[in-house]
C-alpha cells in the first residue's frame, strides 16, 4: 500500500491566473504575497481562500486514491486470511 499521498497544489492569482507569486513580507502573523504579473497584493490566507475550489478538487482526488488503496489492501488481507478454505469466496 502506498504510504505517501502528499501533493503539491499550485495556487493561482485570482485576478490574472498567474501561478508565480512573490512573498512580500514574512511577518510571523501575516504573510503577504504579490503577483508579479498584475501587481495584486494579498495575504497568504486570502490566496488560499481564493483557490479553495482547486484545493478541494485535489483533496477529493487524493481521498479517492486513498480509499481505492484501502479497498485493495483490505481485499488482499481477506484473501490471505481465508486462503485454503473451500467454502469462503472473496469477491
PDB file of N, CA and C in Angstrom:
ATOM      1  N   UNK A   1       0.843  -1.182   0.000  1.00  0.00           N
ATOM      2  CA  UNK A   1       0.000   0.000   0.000  1.00  0.00           C
ATOM      3  C   UNK A   1       0.888   1.245   0.000  1.00  0.00           C
ATOM      4  N   UNK A   2       0.508   2.209  -0.770  1.00  0.00           N
ATOM      5  CA  UNK A   2       1.237   3.476  -0.860  1.00  0.00           C
ATOM      6  C   UNK A   2       1.143   4.202   0.477  1.00  0.00           C
ATOM      7  N   UNK A   3       2.244   4.780   0.928  1.00  0.00           N
ATOM      8  CA  UNK A   3       2.225   5.453   2.227  1.00  0.00           C
ATOM      9  C   UNK A   3       2.352   6.973   2.123  1.00  0.00           C
ATOM     10  N   UNK A   4       2.782   7.483   0.999  1.00  0.00           N
ATOM     11  CA  UNK A   4       2.952   8.930   0.854  1.00  0.00           C
ATOM     12  C   UNK A   4       1.941   9.457  -0.157  1.00  0.00           C
ATOM     13  N   UNK A   5       0.967  10.205   0.336  1.00  0.00           N
ATOM     14  CA  UNK A   5      -0.073  10.772  -0.517  1.00  0.00           C
ATOM     15  C   UNK A   5       0.068  12.282  -0.630  1.00  0.00           C
ATOM     16  N   UNK A   6       1.236  12.808  -0.317  1.00  0.00           N
ATOM     17  CA  UNK A   6       1.405  14.255  -0.349  1.00  0.00           C
ATOM     18  C   UNK A   6       1.300  14.777  -1.790  1.00  0.00           C
ATOM     19  N   UNK A   7       0.775  15.957  -1.908  1.00  0.00           N
ATOM     20  CA  UNK A   7       0.577  16.599  -3.204  1.00  0.00           C
ATOM     21  C   UNK A   7       1.054  18.037  -3.134  1.00  0.00           C
ATOM     22  N   UNK A   8       1.329  18.580  -4.287  1.00  0.00           N
ATOM     23  CA  UNK A   8       1.657  19.993  -4.388  1.00  0.00           C
ATOM     24  C   UNK A   8       0.591  20.642  -5.257  1.00  0.00           C
ATOM     25  N   UNK A   9      -0.081  21.639  -4.719  1.00  0.00           N
ATOM     26  CA  UNK A   9      -1.145  22.334  -5.439  1.00  0.00           C
ATOM     27  C   UNK A   9      -0.659  23.731  -5.776  1.00  0.00           C
ATOM     28  N   UNK A  10      -0.644  24.054  -7.067  1.00  0.00           N
ATOM     29  CA  UNK A  10      -0.241  25.398  -7.475  1.00  0.00           C
ATOM     30  C   UNK A  10      -1.401  26.357  -7.245  1.00  0.00           C
ATOM     31  N   UNK A  11      -1.113  27.438  -6.538  1.00  0.00           N
ATOM     32  CA  UNK A  11      -2.118  28.460  -6.295  1.00  0.00           C
ATOM     33  C   UNK A  11      -1.984  29.524  -7.375  1.00  0.00           C
ATOM     34  N   UNK A  12      -3.123  29.999  -7.853  1.00  0.00           N
ATOM     35  CA  UNK A  12      -3.148  30.974  -8.945  1.00  0.00           C
ATOM     36  C   UNK A  12      -3.721  32.296  -8.465  1.00  0.00           C
ATOM     37  N   UNK A  13      -3.218  33.359  -9.046  1.00  0.00           N
ATOM     38  CA  UNK A  13      -3.715  34.706  -8.753  1.00  0.00           C
ATOM     39  C   UNK A  13      -5.180  34.783  -9.191  1.00  0.00           C
ATOM     40  N   UNK A  14      -6.067  35.254  -8.329  1.00  0.00           N
ATOM     41  CA  UNK A  14      -7.480  35.348  -8.706  1.00  0.00           C
ATOM     42  C   UNK A  14      -7.758  36.411  -9.769  1.00  0.00           C
ATOM     43  N   UNK A  15      -6.826  37.316  -9.995  1.00  0.00           N
ATOM     44  CA  UNK A  15      -7.016  38.372 -10.986  1.00  0.00           C
ATOM     45  C   UNK A  15      -6.555  37.949 -12.372  1.00  0.00           C
ATOM     46  N   UNK A  16      -5.320  37.411 -12.459  1.00  0.00           N
ATOM     47  CA  UNK A  16      -4.753  37.123 -13.785  1.00  0.00           C
ATOM     48  C   UNK A  16      -4.419  35.643 -14.006  1.00  0.00           C
ATOM     49  N   UNK A  17      -4.647  34.803 -13.022  1.00  0.00           N
ATOM     50  CA  UNK A  17      -4.423  33.354 -13.084  1.00  0.00           C
ATOM     51  C   UNK A  17      -2.952  32.961 -13.184  1.00  0.00           C
ATOM     52  N   UNK A  18      -2.047  33.858 -12.886  1.00  0.00           N
ATOM     53  CA  UNK A  18      -0.625  33.520 -12.876  1.00  0.00           C
ATOM     54  C   UNK A  18      -0.330  32.645 -11.665  1.00  0.00           C
ATOM     55  N   UNK A  19       0.567  31.683 -11.837  1.00  0.00           N
ATOM     56  CA  UNK A  19       0.923  30.820 -10.709  1.00  0.00           C
ATOM     57  C   UNK A  19       2.223  31.268 -10.036  1.00  0.00           C
ATOM     58  N   UNK A  20       2.816  32.352 -10.524  1.00  0.00           N
ATOM     59  CA  UNK A  20       4.024  32.893  -9.918  1.00  0.00           C
ATOM     60  C   UNK A  20       3.642  33.917  -8.863  1.00  0.00           C
ATOM     61  N   UNK A  21       4.034  33.661  -7.635  1.00  0.00           N
ATOM     62  CA  UNK A  21       3.737  34.585  -6.547  1.00  0.00           C
ATOM     63  C   UNK A  21       5.025  34.895  -5.811  1.00  0.00           C
ATOM     64  N   UNK A  22       5.172  36.141  -5.379  1.00  0.00           N
ATOM     65  CA  UNK A  22       6.338  36.570  -4.613  1.00  0.00           C
ATOM     66  C   UNK A  22       5.911  36.857  -3.185  1.00  0.00           C
ATOM     67  N   UNK A  23       6.729  36.445  -2.242  1.00  0.00           N
ATOM     68  CA  UNK A  23       6.451  36.730  -0.837  1.00  0.00           C
ATOM     69  C   UNK A  23       6.907  38.149  -0.552  1.00  0.00           C
ATOM     70  N   UNK A  24       5.977  38.980  -0.101  1.00  0.00           N
ATOM     71  CA  UNK A  24       6.271  40.387   0.180  1.00  0.00           C
ATOM     72  C   UNK A  24       6.884  40.547   1.576  1.00  0.00           C
ATOM     73  N   UNK A  25       6.241  39.984   2.575  1.00  0.00           N
ATOM     74  CA  UNK A  25       6.748  40.122   3.934  1.00  0.00           C
ATOM     75  C   UNK A  25       6.530  38.816   4.681  1.00  0.00           C
ATOM     76  N   UNK A  26       7.455  38.521   5.563  1.00  0.00           N
ATOM     77  CA  UNK A  26       7.353  37.315   6.364  1.00  0.00           C
ATOM     78  C   UNK A  26       7.147  37.666   7.823  1.00  0.00           C
ATOM     79  N   UNK A  27       6.150  38.464   8.109  1.00  0.00           N
ATOM     80  CA  UNK A  27       5.777  38.739   9.488  1.00  0.00           C
ATOM     81  C   UNK A  27       5.293  37.417  10.078  1.00  0.00           C
ATOM     82  N   UNK A  28       5.519  37.187  11.335  1.00  0.00           N
ATOM     83  CA  UNK A  28       5.162  35.897  11.934  1.00  0.00           C
ATOM     84  C   UNK A  28       3.656  35.640  11.891  1.00  0.00           C
ATOM     85  N   UNK A  29       2.856  36.681  11.932  1.00  0.00           N
ATOM     86  CA  UNK A  29       1.409  36.504  11.947  1.00  0.00           C
ATOM     87  C   UNK A  29       0.771  36.661  10.570  1.00  0.00           C
ATOM     88  N   UNK A  30       1.365  37.458   9.724  1.00  0.00           N
ATOM     89  CA  UNK A  30       0.739  37.788   8.449  1.00  0.00           C
ATOM     90  C   UNK A  30       1.746  37.690   7.305  1.00  0.00           C
ATOM     91  N   UNK A  31       1.492  36.782   6.369  1.00  0.00           N
ATOM     92  CA  UNK A  31       2.364  36.632   5.209  1.00  0.00           C
ATOM     93  C   UNK A  31       1.667  37.277   4.020  1.00  0.00           C
ATOM     94  N   UNK A  32       2.319  38.243   3.406  1.00  0.00           N
ATOM     95  CA  UNK A  32       1.775  38.925   2.239  1.00  0.00           C
ATOM     96  C   UNK A  32       2.448  38.375   0.986  1.00  0.00           C
ATOM     97  N   UNK A  33       1.644  38.147  -0.049  1.00  0.00           N
ATOM     98  CA  UNK A  33       2.175  37.689  -1.338  1.00  0.00           C
ATOM     99  C   UNK A  33       1.754  38.670  -2.420  1.00  0.00           C
ATOM    100  N   UNK A  34       2.577  38.755  -3.466  1.00  0.00           N
ATOM    101  CA  UNK A  34       2.290  39.679  -4.559  1.00  0.00           C
ATOM    102  C   UNK A  34       2.425  38.933  -5.873  1.00  0.00           C
ATOM    103  N   UNK A  35       1.497  39.178  -6.770  1.00  0.00           N
ATOM    104  CA  UNK A  35       1.548  38.606  -8.107  1.00  0.00           C
ATOM    105  C   UNK A  35       2.397  39.529  -8.972  1.00  0.00           C
ATOM    106  N   UNK A  36       3.503  39.028  -9.503  1.00  0.00           N
ATOM    107  CA  UNK A  36       4.353  39.895 -10.330  1.00  0.00           C
ATOM    108  C   UNK A  36       3.719  40.234 -11.685  1.00  0.00           C
ATOM    109  N   UNK A  37       2.747  39.458 -12.133  1.00  0.00           N
ATOM    110  CA  UNK A  37       2.115  39.721 -13.432  1.00  0.00           C
ATOM    111  C   UNK A  37       1.174  40.918 -13.385  1.00  0.00           C
ATOM    112  N   UNK A  38       0.302  40.947 -12.362  1.00  0.00           N
ATOM    113  CA  UNK A  38      -0.688  42.026 -12.316  1.00  0.00           C
ATOM    114  C   UNK A  38      -0.470  43.002 -11.168  1.00  0.00           C
ATOM    115  N   UNK A  39       0.409  42.643 -10.235  1.00  0.00           N
ATOM    116  CA  UNK A  39       0.713  43.538  -9.130  1.00  0.00           C
ATOM    117  C   UNK A  39      -0.218  43.426  -7.940  1.00  0.00           C
ATOM    118  N   UNK A  40      -1.165  42.506  -7.964  1.00  0.00           N
ATOM    119  CA  UNK A  40      -2.110  42.374  -6.849  1.00  0.00           C
ATOM    120  C   UNK A  40      -1.387  41.837  -5.616  1.00  0.00           C
ATOM    121  N   UNK A  41      -1.646  42.458  -4.483  1.00  0.00           N
ATOM    122  CA  UNK A  41      -1.075  42.043  -3.207  1.00  0.00           C
ATOM    123  C   UNK A  41      -2.207  41.552  -2.314  1.00  0.00           C
ATOM    124  N   UNK A  42      -1.963  40.436  -1.642  1.00  0.00           N
ATOM    125  CA  UNK A  42      -2.966  39.856  -0.746  1.00  0.00           C
ATOM    126  C   UNK A  42      -2.262  39.034   0.329  1.00  0.00           C
ATOM    127  N   UNK A  43      -3.011  38.639   1.334  1.00  0.00           N
ATOM    128  CA  UNK A  43      -2.429  37.767   2.350  1.00  0.00           C
ATOM    129  C   UNK A  43      -2.399  36.340   1.818  1.00  0.00           C
ATOM    130  N   UNK A  44      -1.540  35.546   2.422  1.00  0.00           N
ATOM    131  CA  UNK A  44      -1.448  34.133   2.043  1.00  0.00           C
ATOM    132  C   UNK A  44      -2.793  33.438   2.280  1.00  0.00           C
ATOM    133  N   UNK A  45      -3.455  33.778   3.370  1.00  0.00           N
ATOM    134  CA  UNK A  45      -4.764  33.183   3.672  1.00  0.00           C
ATOM    135  C   UNK A  45      -5.811  33.547   2.618  1.00  0.00           C
ATOM    136  N   UNK A  46      -5.771  34.794   2.133  1.00  0.00           N
ATOM    137  CA  UNK A  46      -6.699  35.204   1.074  1.00  0.00           C
ATOM    138  C   UNK A  46      -6.432  34.425  -0.211  1.00  0.00           C
ATOM    139  N   UNK A  47      -5.149  34.226  -0.531  1.00  0.00           N
ATOM    140  CA  UNK A  47      -4.786  33.463  -1.724  1.00  0.00           C
ATOM    141  C   UNK A  47      -5.280  32.024  -1.612  1.00  0.00           C
ATOM    142  N   UNK A  48      -5.115  31.427  -0.449  1.00  0.00           N
ATOM    143  CA  UNK A  48      -5.597  30.057  -0.231  1.00  0.00           C
ATOM    144  C   UNK A  48      -7.115  30.014  -0.341  1.00  0.00           C
ATOM    145  N   UNK A  49      -7.794  31.010   0.227  1.00  0.00           N
ATOM    146  CA  UNK A  49      -9.255  31.077   0.141  1.00  0.00           C
ATOM    147  C   UNK A  49      -9.748  31.221  -1.288  1.00  0.00           C
ATOM    148  N   UNK A  50      -9.065  32.033  -2.074  1.00  0.00           N
ATOM    149  CA  UNK A  50      -9.452  32.243  -3.476  1.00  0.00           C
ATOM    150  C   UNK A  50      -9.238  30.978  -4.316  1.00  0.00           C
ATOM    151  N   UNK A  51      -8.338  30.109  -3.882  1.00  0.00           N
ATOM    152  CA  UNK A  51      -8.053  28.869  -4.599  1.00  0.00           C
ATOM    153  C   UNK A  51      -8.725  27.671  -3.945  1.00  0.00           C
ATOM    154  N   UNK A  52      -9.758  27.926  -3.168  1.00  0.00           N
ATOM    155  CA  UNK A  52     -10.449  26.875  -2.423  1.00  0.00           C
ATOM    156  C   UNK A  52     -10.991  25.752  -3.300  1.00  0.00           C
ATOM    157  N   UNK A  53     -11.532  26.092  -4.465  1.00  0.00           N
ATOM    158  CA  UNK A  53     -12.084  25.065  -5.353  1.00  0.00           C
ATOM    159  C   UNK A  53     -10.989  24.137  -5.871  1.00  0.00           C
ATOM    160  N   UNK A  54      -9.858  24.697  -6.212  1.00  0.00           N
ATOM    161  CA  UNK A  54      -8.726  23.898  -6.698  1.00  0.00           C
ATOM    162  C   UNK A  54      -8.221  22.972  -5.597  1.00  0.00           C
ATOM    163  N   UNK A  55      -8.101  23.503  -4.403  1.00  0.00           N
ATOM    164  CA  UNK A  55      -7.641  22.714  -3.263  1.00  0.00           C
ATOM    165  C   UNK A  55      -8.643  21.611  -2.952  1.00  0.00           C
ATOM    166  N   UNK A  56      -9.940  21.931  -2.966  1.00  0.00           N
ATOM    167  CA  UNK A  56     -10.976  20.934  -2.686  1.00  0.00           C
ATOM    168  C   UNK A  56     -10.980  19.821  -3.731  1.00  0.00           C
ATOM    169  N   UNK A  57     -10.793  20.167  -4.993  1.00  0.00           N
ATOM    170  CA  UNK A  57     -10.761  19.159  -6.059  1.00  0.00           C
ATOM    171  C   UNK A  57      -9.566  18.233  -5.883  1.00  0.00           C
ATOM    172  N   UNK A  58      -8.430  18.778  -5.535  1.00  0.00           N
ATOM    173  CA  UNK A  58      -7.228  17.969  -5.316  1.00  0.00           C
ATOM    174  C   UNK A  58      -7.411  17.063  -4.106  1.00  0.00           C
ATOM    175  N   UNK A  59      -8.040  17.578  -3.056  1.00  0.00           N
ATOM    176  CA  UNK A  59      -8.314  16.787  -1.862  1.00  0.00           C
ATOM    177  C   UNK A  59      -9.275  15.648  -2.170  1.00  0.00           C
ATOM    178  N   UNK A  60     -10.287  15.922  -2.977  1.00  0.00           N
ATOM    179  CA  UNK A  60     -11.247  14.893  -3.371  1.00  0.00           C
ATOM    180  C   UNK A  60     -10.559  13.785  -4.177  1.00  0.00           C
ATOM    181  N   UNK A  61      -9.680  14.175  -5.084  1.00  0.00           N
ATOM    182  CA  UNK A  61      -8.939  13.196  -5.891  1.00  0.00           C
ATOM    183  C   UNK A  61      -8.024  12.344  -5.010  1.00  0.00           C
ATOM    184  N   UNK A  62      -7.360  12.987  -4.052  1.00  0.00           N
ATOM    185  CA  UNK A  62      -6.470  12.265  -3.157  1.00  0.00           C
ATOM    186  C   UNK A  62      -7.266  11.312  -2.257  1.00  0.00           C
ATOM    187  N   UNK A  63      -8.418  11.748  -1.787  1.00  0.00           N
ATOM    188  CA  UNK A  63      -9.272  10.902  -0.956  1.00  0.00           C
ATOM    189  C   UNK A  63      -9.716   9.666  -1.721  1.00  0.00           C
ATOM    190  N   UNK A  64     -10.089   9.836  -2.974  1.00  0.00           N
ATOM    191  CA  UNK A  64     -10.495   8.695  -3.796  1.00  0.00           C
ATOM    192  C   UNK A  64      -9.339   7.712  -3.976  1.00  0.00           C
ATOM    193  N   UNK A  65      -8.136   8.232  -4.168  1.00  0.00           N
ATOM    194  CA  UNK A  65      -6.956   7.378  -4.322  1.00  0.00           C
ATOM    195  C   UNK A  65      -6.676   6.592  -3.040  1.00  0.00           C
ATOM    196  N   UNK A  66      -6.784   7.252  -1.893  1.00  0.00           N
ATOM    197  CA  UNK A  66      -6.567   6.588  -0.607  1.00  0.00           C
ATOM    198  C   UNK A  66      -7.616   5.501  -0.389  1.00  0.00           C
ATOM    199  N   UNK A  67      -8.871   5.810  -0.670  1.00  0.00           N
ATOM    200  CA  UNK A  67      -9.941   4.825  -0.488  1.00  0.00           C
ATOM    201  C   UNK A  67      -9.740   3.615  -1.395  1.00  0.00           C
ATOM    202  N   UNK A  68      -9.325   3.833  -2.622  1.00  0.00           N
ATOM    203  CA  UNK A  68      -9.079   2.727  -3.549  1.00  0.00           C
ATOM    204  C   UNK A  68      -7.937   1.848  -3.024  1.00  0.00           C
ATOM    205  N   UNK A  69      -6.879   2.460  -2.516  1.00  0.00           N
ATOM    206  CA  UNK A  69      -5.764   1.691  -1.975  1.00  0.00           C
ATOM    207  C   UNK A  69      -6.170   0.914  -0.727  1.00  0.00           C
ATOM    208  N   UNK A  70      -7.013   1.514   0.116  1.00  0.00           N
ATOM    209  CA  UNK A  70      -7.503   0.824   1.313  1.00  0.00           C
ATOM    210  C   UNK A  70      -8.330  -0.390   0.916  1.00  0.00           C
ATOM    211  N   UNK A  71      -9.212  -0.228  -0.084  1.00  0.00           N
ATOM    212  CA  UNK A  71     -10.030  -1.360  -0.545  1.00  0.00           C
ATOM    213  C   UNK A  71      -9.158  -2.497  -1.062  1.00  0.00           C
ATOM    214  N   UNK A  72      -8.148  -2.161  -1.879  1.00  0.00           N
ATOM    215  CA  UNK A  72      -7.247  -3.177  -2.420  1.00  0.00           C
ATOM    216  C   UNK A  72      -6.509  -3.901  -1.301  1.00  0.00           C
ATOM    217  N   UNK A  73      -6.000  -3.143  -0.335  1.00  0.00           N
ATOM    218  CA  UNK A  73      -5.253  -3.726   0.773  1.00  0.00           C
ATOM    219  C   UNK A  73      -6.155  -4.613   1.633  1.00  0.00           C
ATOM    220  N   UNK A  74      -7.368  -4.163   1.901  1.00  0.00           N
ATOM    221  CA  UNK A  74      -8.313  -4.935   2.699  1.00  0.00           C
ATOM    222  C   UNK A  74      -8.694  -6.228   1.974  1.00  0.00           C
ATOM    223  N   UNK A  75      -8.950  -6.132   0.682  1.00  0.00           N
ATOM    224  CA  UNK A  75      -9.305  -7.306  -0.116  1.00  0.00           C
ATOM    225  C   UNK A  75      -8.163  -8.318  -0.103  1.00  0.00           C
ATOM    226  N   UNK A  76      -6.944  -7.843  -0.276  1.00  0.00           N
ATOM    227  CA  UNK A  76      -5.781  -8.732  -0.264  1.00  0.00           C
ATOM    228  C   UNK A  76      -5.604  -9.392   1.100  1.00  0.00           C
ATOM    229  N   UNK A  77      -5.833  -8.661   2.172  1.00  0.00           N
ATOM    230  CA  UNK A  77      -5.684  -9.252   3.505  1.00  0.00           C
ATOM    231  C   UNK A  77      -6.778 -10.287   3.781  1.00  0.00           C
ATOM    232  N   UNK A  78      -7.997 -10.047   3.280  1.00  0.00           N
ATOM    233  CA  UNK A  78      -9.066 -11.043   3.435  1.00  0.00           C
ATOM    234  C   UNK A  78      -8.737 -12.309   2.649  1.00  0.00           C
ATOM    235  N   UNK A  79      -8.243 -12.140   1.422  1.00  0.00           N
ATOM    236  CA  UNK A  79      -7.874 -13.310   0.626  1.00  0.00           C
ATOM    237  C   UNK A  79      -6.776 -14.114   1.323  1.00  0.00           C
ATOM    238  N   UNK A  80      -5.827 -13.421   1.904  1.00  0.00           N
ATOM    239  CA  UNK A  80      -4.735 -14.104   2.597  1.00  0.00           C
ATOM    240  C   UNK A  80      -5.252 -14.815   3.842  1.00  0.00           C
ATOM    241  N   UNK A  81      -6.163 -14.181   4.576  1.00  0.00           N
ATOM    242  CA  UNK A  81      -6.683 -14.768   5.808  1.00  0.00           C
ATOM    243  C   UNK A  81      -7.516 -16.023   5.548  1.00  0.00           C
ATOM    244  N   UNK A  82      -8.260 -16.031   4.446  1.00  0.00           N
ATOM    245  CA  UNK A  82      -9.155 -17.158   4.166  1.00  0.00           C
ATOM    246  C   UNK A  82      -8.608 -18.094   3.091  1.00  0.00           C
ATOM    247  N   UNK A  83      -7.343 -17.953   2.748  1.00  0.00           N
ATOM    248  CA  UNK A  83      -6.724 -18.823   1.750  1.00  0.00           C
ATOM    249  C   UNK A  83      -6.797 -20.276   2.226  1.00  0.00           C
ATOM    250  N   UNK A  84      -7.184 -21.165   1.341  1.00  0.00           N
ATOM    251  CA  UNK A  84      -7.240 -22.580   1.652  1.00  0.00           C
ATOM    252  C   UNK A  84      -8.617 -23.058   2.109  1.00  0.00           C
ATOM    253  N   UNK A  85      -9.534 -22.134   2.387  1.00  0.00           N
ATOM    254  CA  UNK A  85     -10.879 -22.550   2.788  1.00  0.00           C
ATOM    255  C   UNK A  85     -11.754 -22.686   1.538  1.00  0.00           C
ATOM    256  N   UNK A  86     -12.357 -23.835   1.382  1.00  0.00           N
ATOM    257  CA  UNK A  86     -13.148 -24.112   0.183  1.00  0.00           C
ATOM    258  C   UNK A  86     -14.491 -23.409   0.171  1.00  0.00           C
ATOM    259  N   UNK A  87     -15.078 -23.186   1.343  1.00  0.00           N
ATOM    260  CA  UNK A  87     -16.436 -22.633   1.425  1.00  0.00           C
ATOM    261  C   UNK A  87     -16.505 -21.105   1.474  1.00  0.00           C
ATOM    262  N   UNK A  88     -15.368 -20.460   1.428  1.00  0.00           N
ATOM    263  CA  UNK A  88     -15.339 -18.999   1.518  1.00  0.00           C
ATOM    264  C   UNK A  88     -14.755 -18.433   0.233  1.00  0.00           C
ATOM    265  N   UNK A  89     -15.514 -17.503  -0.393  1.00  0.00           N
ATOM    266  CA  UNK A  89     -15.041 -16.820  -1.586  1.00  0.00           C
ATOM    267  C   UNK A  89     -15.037 -15.314  -1.326  1.00  0.00           C
ATOM    268  N   UNK A  90     -13.960 -14.671  -1.685  1.00  0.00           N
ATOM    269  CA  UNK A  90     -13.837 -13.225  -1.541  1.00  0.00           C
ATOM    270  C   UNK A  90     -13.981 -12.609  -2.929  1.00  0.00           C
ATOM    271  N   UNK A  91     -14.913 -11.683  -3.065  1.00  0.00           N
ATOM    272  CA  UNK A  91     -15.128 -11.023  -4.368  1.00  0.00           C
ATOM    273  C   UNK A  91     -14.556  -9.650  -4.375  1.00  0.00           C
TER     274      UNK A  91
END
